[in-house]
Protein backbone atom coordinates (compact mmCIF):
# COMPACT_ATOMS: atom_id res chain seq x y z
CA MET A 1 139.44 72.22 161.21
CA THR A 2 137.93 74.94 163.36
CA LEU A 3 141.23 75.44 165.17
CA ILE A 4 143.11 75.68 161.87
CA ALA A 5 140.61 78.18 160.51
CA LEU A 6 140.89 80.33 163.65
CA HIS A 7 144.67 80.18 163.39
CA TYR A 8 144.65 81.44 159.81
CA LEU A 9 142.19 84.17 160.71
CA ALA A 10 144.49 85.26 163.53
CA VAL A 11 147.51 85.22 161.19
CA LEU A 12 145.54 87.27 158.67
CA ALA A 13 144.50 89.79 161.34
CA CYS A 14 148.06 90.17 162.61
CA GLY A 15 149.37 90.40 159.05
CA VAL A 16 146.96 93.22 158.22
CA ARG A 17 148.00 94.95 161.44
CA VAL A 18 151.69 94.60 160.47
CA ILE A 19 151.04 96.18 157.08
CA LEU A 20 148.81 98.99 158.36
CA ARG A 21 150.88 99.89 161.45
CA PRO A 22 152.29 103.40 160.87
CA HIS A 23 155.95 104.37 161.20
CA ARG A 24 157.24 100.83 160.67
CA ASP A 25 160.40 100.05 158.71
CA PRO A 26 159.62 97.93 155.59
CA GLY A 27 162.22 95.39 156.67
CA ALA A 28 160.41 94.96 159.97
CA ARG A 29 157.12 94.36 158.15
CA VAL A 30 158.68 91.63 156.02
CA ALA A 31 160.36 89.99 159.04
CA TRP A 32 157.15 89.92 161.05
CA LEU A 33 155.12 88.56 158.13
CA ALA A 34 157.70 85.79 157.71
CA ILE A 35 157.50 84.89 161.41
CA LEU A 36 153.70 84.86 161.37
CA LEU A 37 153.67 82.49 158.39
CA ALA A 38 156.57 80.27 159.46
CA LEU A 39 155.77 79.81 163.15
CA PRO A 40 152.17 78.78 163.76
CA PHE A 41 150.68 80.10 167.02
CA VAL A 42 154.14 81.08 168.32
CA GLY A 43 154.40 83.86 165.74
CA ILE A 44 150.99 85.23 166.70
CA LEU A 45 151.87 85.23 170.40
CA ALA A 46 155.23 86.86 169.65
CA TYR A 47 153.57 89.65 167.68
CA ILE A 48 150.93 90.29 170.34
CA LEU A 49 153.63 90.61 173.03
CA LEU A 50 156.49 92.19 171.10
CA GLY A 51 155.25 93.38 167.75
CA GLU A 52 154.33 96.97 168.58
CA THR A 53 156.02 99.75 170.56
CA SER A 54 153.34 100.70 173.07
CA ILE A 55 153.81 101.63 176.73
CA GLY A 56 150.05 101.46 177.23
CA ARG A 57 147.38 104.08 176.59
CA ARG A 58 147.21 105.27 180.19
CA GLN A 59 150.96 105.80 180.51
CA ALA A 60 151.21 107.36 177.05
CA ALA A 61 148.46 109.82 177.99
CA ARG A 62 150.25 110.66 181.25
CA VAL A 63 153.52 111.31 179.40
CA GLY A 64 151.70 113.59 176.98
CA ARG A 65 150.04 115.60 179.76
CA ILE A 66 153.34 116.08 181.58
CA ALA A 67 155.14 117.17 178.42
CA ALA A 68 152.45 119.78 177.78
CA ALA A 69 152.52 121.05 181.38
CA LEU A 70 156.28 121.36 181.85
CA PRO A 71 157.66 124.88 181.42
CA GLY A 72 160.26 125.17 178.72
CA PRO A 73 163.87 125.33 179.90
CA GLU A 74 164.11 128.84 178.46
CA GLU A 75 161.68 130.15 181.12
CA ALA A 76 164.40 130.08 183.79
CA SER A 77 165.98 133.30 184.98
CA GLY A 78 169.40 133.88 183.43
CA TRP A 79 168.71 131.64 180.46
CA PRO A 80 170.50 132.97 177.35
CA ALA A 81 168.85 133.15 173.98
CA ALA A 82 169.13 130.12 171.74
CA VAL A 83 172.03 130.10 169.33
CA PRO A 84 170.69 130.52 165.76
CA ALA A 85 171.73 127.43 163.84
CA GLU A 86 172.90 129.62 160.96
CA THR A 87 175.62 131.11 163.21
CA ILE A 88 177.25 127.69 163.47
CA PRO A 89 179.53 127.08 160.46
CA PRO A 90 177.82 125.19 157.64
CA PRO A 91 176.97 122.42 157.15
CA TYR A 92 176.96 121.72 160.89
CA GLY A 93 174.32 124.24 161.95
CA GLN A 94 171.56 122.32 160.23
CA LEU A 95 172.35 119.30 162.39
CA PHE A 96 171.13 121.25 165.42
CA ASP A 97 167.88 121.88 163.51
CA VAL A 98 167.51 118.10 163.24
CA GLY A 99 168.17 117.73 166.96
CA GLN A 100 165.63 120.40 167.82
CA SER A 101 163.00 118.75 165.63
CA ILE A 102 163.47 115.53 167.61
CA SER A 103 163.16 116.66 171.22
CA GLY A 104 162.43 120.38 171.06
CA TYR A 105 165.65 121.67 172.59
CA ALA A 106 167.31 124.52 170.69
CA PRO A 107 171.11 124.81 170.55
CA VAL A 108 172.34 127.04 173.38
CA GLY A 109 175.72 128.69 173.80
CA PHE A 110 178.02 129.40 176.75
CA ASN A 111 178.61 125.75 177.64
CA ARG A 112 181.79 124.17 178.99
CA ALA A 113 182.66 120.51 179.46
CA ALA A 114 185.38 118.06 180.42
CA LEU A 115 185.89 114.47 179.29
CA MET A 116 186.33 112.16 182.27
CA ALA A 117 189.51 110.06 182.28
CA ASN A 118 187.78 106.69 182.77
CA SER A 119 184.78 105.03 184.40
CA ASP A 120 186.08 105.11 187.97
CA ALA A 121 187.20 108.75 187.60
CA ALA A 122 183.74 109.66 186.30
CA ILE A 123 182.02 108.13 189.33
CA ASP A 124 184.48 109.82 191.70
CA ARG A 125 183.84 113.22 190.08
CA MET A 126 180.08 112.67 190.27
CA VAL A 127 180.39 111.81 193.97
CA ALA A 128 182.48 114.96 194.58
CA ASP A 129 179.83 117.10 192.87
CA ILE A 130 177.08 115.46 194.91
CA ASP A 131 179.06 116.12 198.09
CA ALA A 132 179.23 119.80 197.07
CA ALA A 133 175.49 120.03 196.24
CA THR A 134 173.48 122.63 198.15
CA ASP A 135 169.98 122.41 196.67
CA HIS A 136 169.20 119.24 194.71
CA VAL A 137 170.59 116.12 193.05
CA HIS A 138 168.65 114.46 190.23
CA LEU A 139 169.86 111.11 188.96
CA MET A 140 168.67 108.59 186.39
CA PHE A 141 170.48 105.37 185.41
CA TYR A 142 169.42 102.45 183.26
CA ILE A 143 171.69 100.08 185.22
CA TRP A 144 172.76 100.82 188.78
CA LEU A 145 174.47 97.94 190.56
CA PRO A 146 175.07 97.57 194.32
CA ASP A 147 178.82 97.15 193.69
CA THR A 148 181.72 99.43 194.66
CA ASN A 149 180.85 102.36 192.39
CA GLY A 150 177.13 101.86 192.90
CA THR A 151 177.59 101.95 196.66
CA LYS A 152 179.76 105.09 196.40
CA MET A 153 176.93 106.84 194.59
CA ALA A 154 174.31 105.66 197.07
CA GLU A 155 176.39 106.79 200.05
CA ALA A 156 176.91 110.22 198.45
CA LEU A 157 173.15 110.60 198.00
CA LYS A 158 172.54 109.58 201.60
CA ARG A 159 175.05 112.19 202.79
CA ALA A 160 173.45 114.87 200.65
CA ALA A 161 169.94 114.02 201.87
CA SER A 162 171.12 114.14 205.49
CA ARG A 163 172.19 117.78 205.08
CA GLY A 164 168.88 118.81 203.51
CA VAL A 165 169.62 118.49 199.80
CA ALA A 166 166.62 117.27 197.79
CA CYS A 167 167.79 113.98 196.27
CA ARG A 168 165.76 112.21 193.60
CA ALA A 169 167.07 108.94 192.16
CA MET A 170 165.37 106.98 189.40
CA VAL A 171 166.38 103.70 187.77
CA ASP A 172 164.98 101.52 185.05
CA ASP A 173 162.92 98.81 186.72
CA LEU A 174 164.45 96.03 184.64
CA GLY A 175 168.02 97.23 184.15
CA SER A 176 168.49 98.02 187.87
CA ARG A 177 166.49 95.16 189.34
CA ASP A 178 169.52 93.95 191.34
CA LEU A 179 169.79 97.31 193.11
CA VAL A 180 166.04 97.61 193.69
CA ARG A 181 166.04 94.20 195.40
CA SER A 182 169.11 94.99 197.50
CA PRO A 183 169.24 96.50 201.01
CA LEU A 184 171.08 99.51 199.55
CA TRP A 185 167.93 100.70 197.77
CA ALA A 186 165.88 100.57 200.96
CA LYS A 187 168.62 102.32 202.93
CA MET A 188 168.65 105.22 200.48
CA GLY A 189 164.92 105.62 200.94
CA GLU A 190 165.28 105.51 204.73
CA ALA A 191 167.94 108.25 204.48
CA GLY A 192 165.51 110.58 202.72
CA VAL A 193 166.37 109.98 199.07
CA LYS A 194 163.22 109.96 196.95
CA LEU A 195 163.27 106.83 194.79
CA ALA A 196 161.45 105.94 191.59
CA ARG A 197 161.45 103.05 189.14
CA ALA A 198 161.01 103.93 185.48
CA LEU A 199 158.58 101.79 183.50
CA PRO A 200 157.76 99.43 186.39
CA ILE A 201 157.06 95.86 185.34
CA GLY A 202 155.07 94.53 188.27
CA ASN A 203 153.38 91.31 187.20
CA PRO A 204 154.99 90.71 183.78
CA PHE A 205 151.97 88.87 182.41
CA LEU A 206 149.57 91.66 183.36
CA ARG A 207 152.12 94.24 182.18
CA MET A 208 152.17 92.65 178.72
CA LEU A 209 148.44 93.24 178.40
CA SER A 210 148.85 97.00 178.75
CA GLY A 211 152.08 97.51 176.78
CA ARG A 212 155.42 96.03 175.85
CA VAL A 213 157.46 94.90 178.83
CA ASP A 214 160.77 95.41 177.01
CA LEU A 215 160.37 99.16 176.41
CA ARG A 216 163.05 100.53 178.72
CA ASN A 217 164.50 103.82 179.95
CA HIS A 218 168.13 103.58 178.85
CA ARG A 219 169.06 107.15 179.84
CA LYS A 220 171.97 108.15 182.08
CA ILE A 221 171.37 111.59 183.62
CA LEU A 222 172.85 113.40 186.60
CA VAL A 223 171.92 117.04 187.30
CA ILE A 224 173.19 118.92 190.35
CA ASP A 225 171.94 122.35 191.52
CA ASN A 226 171.03 123.41 187.97
CA ALA A 227 174.77 123.92 187.51
CA VAL A 228 176.31 120.61 186.45
CA THR A 229 175.19 117.66 184.35
CA TYR A 230 176.80 114.51 183.02
CA CYS A 231 176.20 112.72 179.73
CA GLY A 232 177.70 109.58 178.26
CA SER A 233 177.45 105.83 177.96
CA GLN A 234 178.26 104.84 181.53
CA ASN A 235 175.90 103.13 183.89
CA CYS A 236 176.40 103.36 187.67
CA ALA A 237 178.61 100.30 188.06
CA ASP A 238 182.19 99.09 188.24
CA PRO A 239 184.05 98.56 184.95
CA ALA A 240 184.18 94.88 185.96
CA PHE A 241 180.36 94.81 185.53
CA LEU A 242 179.72 91.63 187.49
CA PRO A 243 176.51 90.50 185.69
CA LYS A 244 178.61 90.06 182.54
CA ALA A 245 182.10 89.92 184.00
CA LYS A 246 183.56 87.71 181.26
CA TYR A 247 183.34 90.65 178.83
CA ALA A 248 184.98 93.11 181.26
CA PRO A 249 186.24 95.69 181.51
CA TRP A 250 183.37 97.74 180.13
CA VAL A 251 184.88 100.86 178.59
CA ASP A 252 182.82 104.06 178.62
CA ALA A 253 183.13 107.78 177.93
CA VAL A 254 181.41 110.43 180.05
CA MET A 255 181.47 114.23 179.87
CA ARG A 256 180.77 116.74 182.63
CA PHE A 257 178.91 119.81 181.36
CA GLU A 258 178.26 123.27 182.78
CA GLY A 259 176.09 125.93 181.18
CA PRO A 260 172.60 126.22 179.68
CA VAL A 261 172.63 122.65 178.33
CA VAL A 262 172.34 121.60 181.99
CA ARG A 263 168.80 123.00 182.01
CA GLN A 264 167.86 120.86 179.04
CA ASN A 265 168.98 117.71 180.85
CA GLN A 266 167.06 118.97 183.88
CA HIS A 267 163.94 119.35 181.76
CA LEU A 268 164.43 115.81 180.43
CA PHE A 269 164.85 114.41 183.95
CA ALA A 270 161.74 116.26 185.15
CA SER A 271 159.65 114.74 182.37
CA ASP A 272 160.86 111.24 183.27
CA TRP A 273 160.44 111.78 187.00
CA MET A 274 156.90 113.12 186.81
CA ALA A 275 155.91 110.33 184.40
CA ASN A 276 156.97 107.69 186.93
CA PHE A 277 156.59 109.37 190.34
CA ASP A 278 153.69 111.41 191.67
CA GLU A 279 155.58 114.63 192.43
CA ASP A 280 155.44 117.97 190.64
CA ILE A 281 158.97 119.38 190.28
CA ARG A 282 158.24 122.03 187.66
CA ASP A 283 159.55 124.83 189.86
CA VAL A 284 163.11 123.55 189.52
CA LEU A 285 162.91 124.52 185.84
CA ARG A 286 162.11 128.13 186.74
CA ALA A 287 164.90 128.60 189.28
CA PRO A 288 167.68 131.07 188.41
CA MET A 289 170.90 129.65 187.06
CA ASN A 290 174.39 130.98 186.52
CA VAL A 291 175.79 130.87 182.99
CA PRO A 292 179.51 130.78 182.14
CA GLY A 293 180.81 133.86 180.38
CA SER A 294 181.93 131.93 177.33
CA GLY A 295 181.60 128.50 175.81
CA PHE A 296 180.36 126.40 172.92
CA ALA A 297 176.96 125.59 171.38
CA ALA A 298 175.27 122.39 172.56
CA GLN A 299 171.87 120.75 172.76
CA VAL A 300 170.27 117.69 174.31
CA VAL A 301 168.95 115.19 171.76
CA ALA A 302 166.51 112.83 173.46
CA SER A 303 164.47 110.06 171.89
CA GLY A 304 162.02 107.37 172.88
CA PRO A 305 159.09 105.20 171.80
CA THR A 306 156.55 107.91 172.72
CA LEU A 307 158.48 110.62 170.83
CA ARG A 308 159.01 111.15 167.11
CA PRO A 309 159.44 107.89 165.15
CA SER A 310 162.84 107.17 163.56
CA ALA A 311 164.42 110.03 165.50
CA MET A 312 167.84 108.59 166.25
CA PRO A 313 168.35 106.97 162.83
CA GLU A 314 167.63 110.38 161.31
CA MET A 315 170.09 112.08 163.68
CA PHE A 316 172.81 109.53 162.97
CA ALA A 317 172.27 109.63 159.20
CA SER A 318 172.29 113.44 159.18
CA LEU A 319 175.62 113.51 161.03
CA ILE A 320 177.10 110.99 158.61
CA TYR A 321 175.99 112.90 155.52
CA ALA A 322 177.29 116.18 156.99
CA ALA A 323 180.84 114.84 157.31
CA GLU A 324 183.18 116.37 154.76
CA ARG A 325 186.60 115.10 155.84
CA GLU A 326 186.44 112.63 158.71
CA LEU A 327 183.91 110.59 160.65
CA VAL A 328 184.77 108.37 163.61
CA VAL A 329 182.05 106.20 165.20
CA THR A 330 182.23 104.03 168.30
CA THR A 331 179.29 101.86 169.26
CA PRO A 332 178.96 98.52 171.06
CA TYR A 333 175.90 97.45 169.08
CA TYR A 334 175.68 97.95 165.32
CA VAL A 335 172.33 96.76 163.96
CA PRO A 336 171.51 99.63 161.62
CA GLU A 337 168.55 100.62 159.57
CA GLY A 338 169.29 100.65 155.86
CA SER A 339 169.58 104.44 155.86
CA ILE A 340 172.53 104.39 158.26
CA GLN A 341 174.41 101.61 156.46
CA ALA A 342 173.87 103.44 153.16
CA ALA A 343 175.01 106.75 154.64
CA LEU A 344 178.24 105.26 155.97
CA CYS A 345 179.05 103.64 152.63
CA ALA A 346 178.17 106.83 150.75
CA ALA A 347 180.42 108.91 153.02
CA ALA A 348 183.38 106.61 152.42
CA ASN A 349 182.67 106.46 148.68
CA ARG A 350 182.80 110.25 148.41
CA GLY A 351 186.18 110.40 150.12
CA VAL A 352 185.36 110.92 153.79
CA ALA A 353 187.75 109.05 156.10
CA VAL A 354 185.18 106.88 157.90
CA THR A 355 186.27 104.78 160.87
CA MET A 356 184.14 102.48 163.00
CA VAL A 357 185.28 100.96 166.31
CA LEU A 358 183.25 98.01 167.63
CA PRO A 359 183.90 95.44 170.38
CA ALA A 360 185.69 92.27 169.33
CA ARG A 361 183.51 90.24 171.72
CA ASN A 362 179.90 91.31 172.07
CA ASP A 363 177.83 90.45 175.14
CA ASP A 364 174.89 89.79 172.81
CA PHE A 365 175.76 86.99 170.37
CA ALA A 366 172.96 87.92 167.97
CA VAL A 367 174.07 91.56 167.81
CA GLY A 368 177.71 90.57 167.34
CA ALA A 369 176.86 88.27 164.44
CA THR A 370 174.47 90.77 162.87
CA SER A 371 177.08 93.53 163.06
CA ARG A 372 179.58 91.42 161.12
CA SER A 373 177.04 90.78 158.37
CA TYR A 374 177.49 94.42 157.38
CA TYR A 375 181.30 94.38 157.31
CA GLN A 376 181.82 93.41 153.68
CA ASP A 377 179.80 96.28 152.21
CA LEU A 378 181.37 98.78 154.62
CA LEU A 379 184.92 97.64 153.89
CA SER A 380 184.27 97.55 150.14
CA ALA A 381 183.19 101.19 150.30
CA GLY A 382 186.39 102.14 152.13
CA VAL A 383 185.18 102.26 155.73
CA ARG A 384 187.91 101.30 158.20
CA ILE A 385 186.64 98.82 160.84
CA PHE A 386 188.45 98.13 164.09
CA GLU A 387 187.48 95.59 166.76
CA TYR A 388 188.42 96.63 170.29
CA GLN A 389 190.31 93.88 172.12
CA PRO A 390 190.83 94.55 175.89
CA GLY A 391 187.16 94.48 176.92
CA LEU A 392 183.70 95.54 175.83
CA LEU A 393 183.85 98.98 174.22
CA HIS A 394 180.60 100.53 175.44
CA THR A 395 181.22 104.14 174.35
CA LYS A 396 178.60 105.62 172.03
CA SER A 397 180.21 108.53 170.18
CA MET A 398 180.41 110.23 166.78
CA ALA A 399 183.07 112.81 165.92
CA VAL A 400 182.58 114.77 162.70
CA ASP A 401 185.40 116.63 160.92
CA GLY A 402 187.21 117.25 164.19
CA VAL A 403 184.72 119.94 165.25
CA LEU A 404 181.40 118.30 166.14
CA THR A 405 180.60 115.50 168.61
CA LEU A 406 177.56 113.48 169.62
CA ILE A 407 177.92 111.58 172.90
CA GLY A 408 175.31 109.80 174.97
CA SER A 409 173.37 106.62 175.59
CA ALA A 410 172.03 105.72 172.13
CA ASN A 411 173.45 102.73 170.30
CA MET A 412 173.28 102.17 166.56
CA ASP A 413 170.77 99.36 166.93
CA ARG A 414 167.06 98.73 166.61
CA ARG A 415 166.55 98.72 170.37
CA SER A 416 167.87 102.27 170.74
CA PHE A 417 165.95 103.34 167.62
CA ASP A 418 162.54 101.94 168.56
CA LEU A 419 162.32 100.64 172.12
CA ASN A 420 164.55 102.68 174.46
CA TYR A 421 164.36 106.16 175.92
CA GLU A 422 167.78 107.69 175.19
CA ASN A 423 169.65 110.92 175.92
CA ASN A 424 172.58 112.44 174.08
CA ILE A 425 174.31 115.80 173.79
CA LEU A 426 175.40 117.28 170.46
CA PHE A 427 178.00 120.05 170.58
CA PHE A 428 180.19 122.12 168.26
CA ASP A 429 183.63 122.69 169.75
CA PRO A 430 186.93 121.83 168.04
CA ALA A 431 188.89 121.68 171.32
CA LEU A 432 186.57 119.26 173.13
CA THR A 433 186.07 117.24 169.95
CA ALA A 434 189.88 116.91 169.76
CA GLU A 435 189.75 115.35 173.25
CA MET A 436 187.06 112.95 172.08
CA ARG A 437 189.12 112.10 169.01
CA ALA A 438 192.15 111.39 171.18
CA ARG A 439 190.03 109.00 173.23
CA GLN A 440 188.77 107.32 170.07
CA ASP A 441 192.37 107.01 168.81
CA ALA A 442 193.25 105.31 172.10
CA TYR A 443 190.48 102.80 171.43
CA ILE A 444 191.85 102.23 167.92
CA ALA A 445 195.34 101.65 169.30
CA ASP A 446 193.89 98.81 171.40
CA SER A 447 191.97 97.34 168.46
CA ARG A 448 192.59 94.99 165.58
CA ALA A 449 191.89 96.20 162.06
CA VAL A 450 189.41 94.08 160.12
CA THR A 451 190.19 93.71 156.40
CA LEU A 452 188.35 92.40 153.37
CA ASP A 453 190.71 89.45 153.37
CA ASP A 454 189.53 88.62 156.91
CA VAL A 455 185.91 88.69 155.82
CA ASP A 456 186.61 86.67 152.67
CA ALA A 457 188.22 84.01 154.88
CA TRP A 458 185.05 83.44 156.90
CA THR A 459 183.53 79.99 156.43
CA TRP A 460 180.16 79.55 154.80
CA ARG A 461 178.79 78.58 158.21
CA GLN A 462 179.90 81.92 159.68
CA ARG A 463 178.32 83.81 156.77
CA LEU A 464 175.11 81.82 157.08
CA TRP A 465 174.91 82.51 160.81
CA ASN A 466 175.66 86.23 160.48
CA ASN A 467 173.32 86.83 157.56
CA ALA A 468 170.49 84.75 159.00
CA LEU A 469 170.53 86.76 162.22
CA ALA A 470 170.75 90.01 160.24
CA THR A 471 167.59 88.99 158.40
CA LEU A 472 165.81 88.78 161.75
CA SER A 473 167.36 92.01 163.08
CA PRO A 474 164.18 94.10 162.64
CA VAL A 475 162.51 91.71 165.08
CA LEU A 476 165.45 91.01 167.39
């Protein structure tokens, strides 16, 4: 009896915590309460380990101190004034206000960019830029594998370090565990590359006592000499992606940027580096930089569990509601909050040509099933859905009205919304957006259209499976 009473007291305490916890989606509250009531003891343990987005008080305090101490990117010599959002044609200018409210970076002009042809071409161009570096190379990847492309990158860093270039490479401690355990990681360190692991796990049981072990740094950042940066969905790995080779090839999109937006990615890297490695690199944010004579407006939109709650869902929903003619979305993982699903349906219902491109086979069975649970409402509203066939479409992109693009690391799922540190770039440029649209059209050409008849033909077992997993999506 005593054990039962203690159990119910623990359930009650966790339940009160679920209800009182700020910034929590109502669906997540309901899902956690159901788990606590349905799974004795297991539900309590699950909530203690995974119920709250905390990286630990000590680390959160460190992140806060570093953010306050870092000079703003606008303090650098040669930095142009921010582009007033009202100078960008309405309604798109207000979207940059949303982005600035999330991570503090104002839209800046005079940027140029190029869309890389494919994953291998992106790595080769990165390596060429590293080989041309004269001052520093700053790199952050969620997943970096010791495969062909991963080795190319490591060898380029070793060459740069040997000629006196300051090379700093950081990886997520979980996502890049294969590299960290490999001889390649040690050889980079021996060559003079400074190495750091973001959100180190250490002893997982002790780590769980100080914060969630599954909060991860999902960013992909490369900054070279304050002159060049890259942004997109690609990790440092071969398209074959050996850990999950049966879903290959993994298909990504990456852009190479020049201009003031480089400094914003530099600022973001510096905040991550100093939070995970005991080195002050603030001076790199004050160094002079050259700015192209012309170019488009762009800004970095970064999010994470220690930043503003519900940041990426708000950014996504704002982009969807701003669309007047056309919206094309590609994402590998679609597990939306209600606001995003409603925004997509509302856009289609008001006449916007809304297209979504998702992978036909998802490497996460629960995400794949949950995504399909939303198909019927989307299709009924007039959203076109395509499932990409040749491999796993990993590109995260949104193109709005042929003039505005968001590209980066953030998926449309709960993990990217609540648990991951993400980085994206939002830009207004019809020409570059046309390139992104052409790439999206190429994905569509290799996809199969999903119709309402297809969904109606699903068996009751498929519907039960999809909808049951969707019910648990706030927890999963």
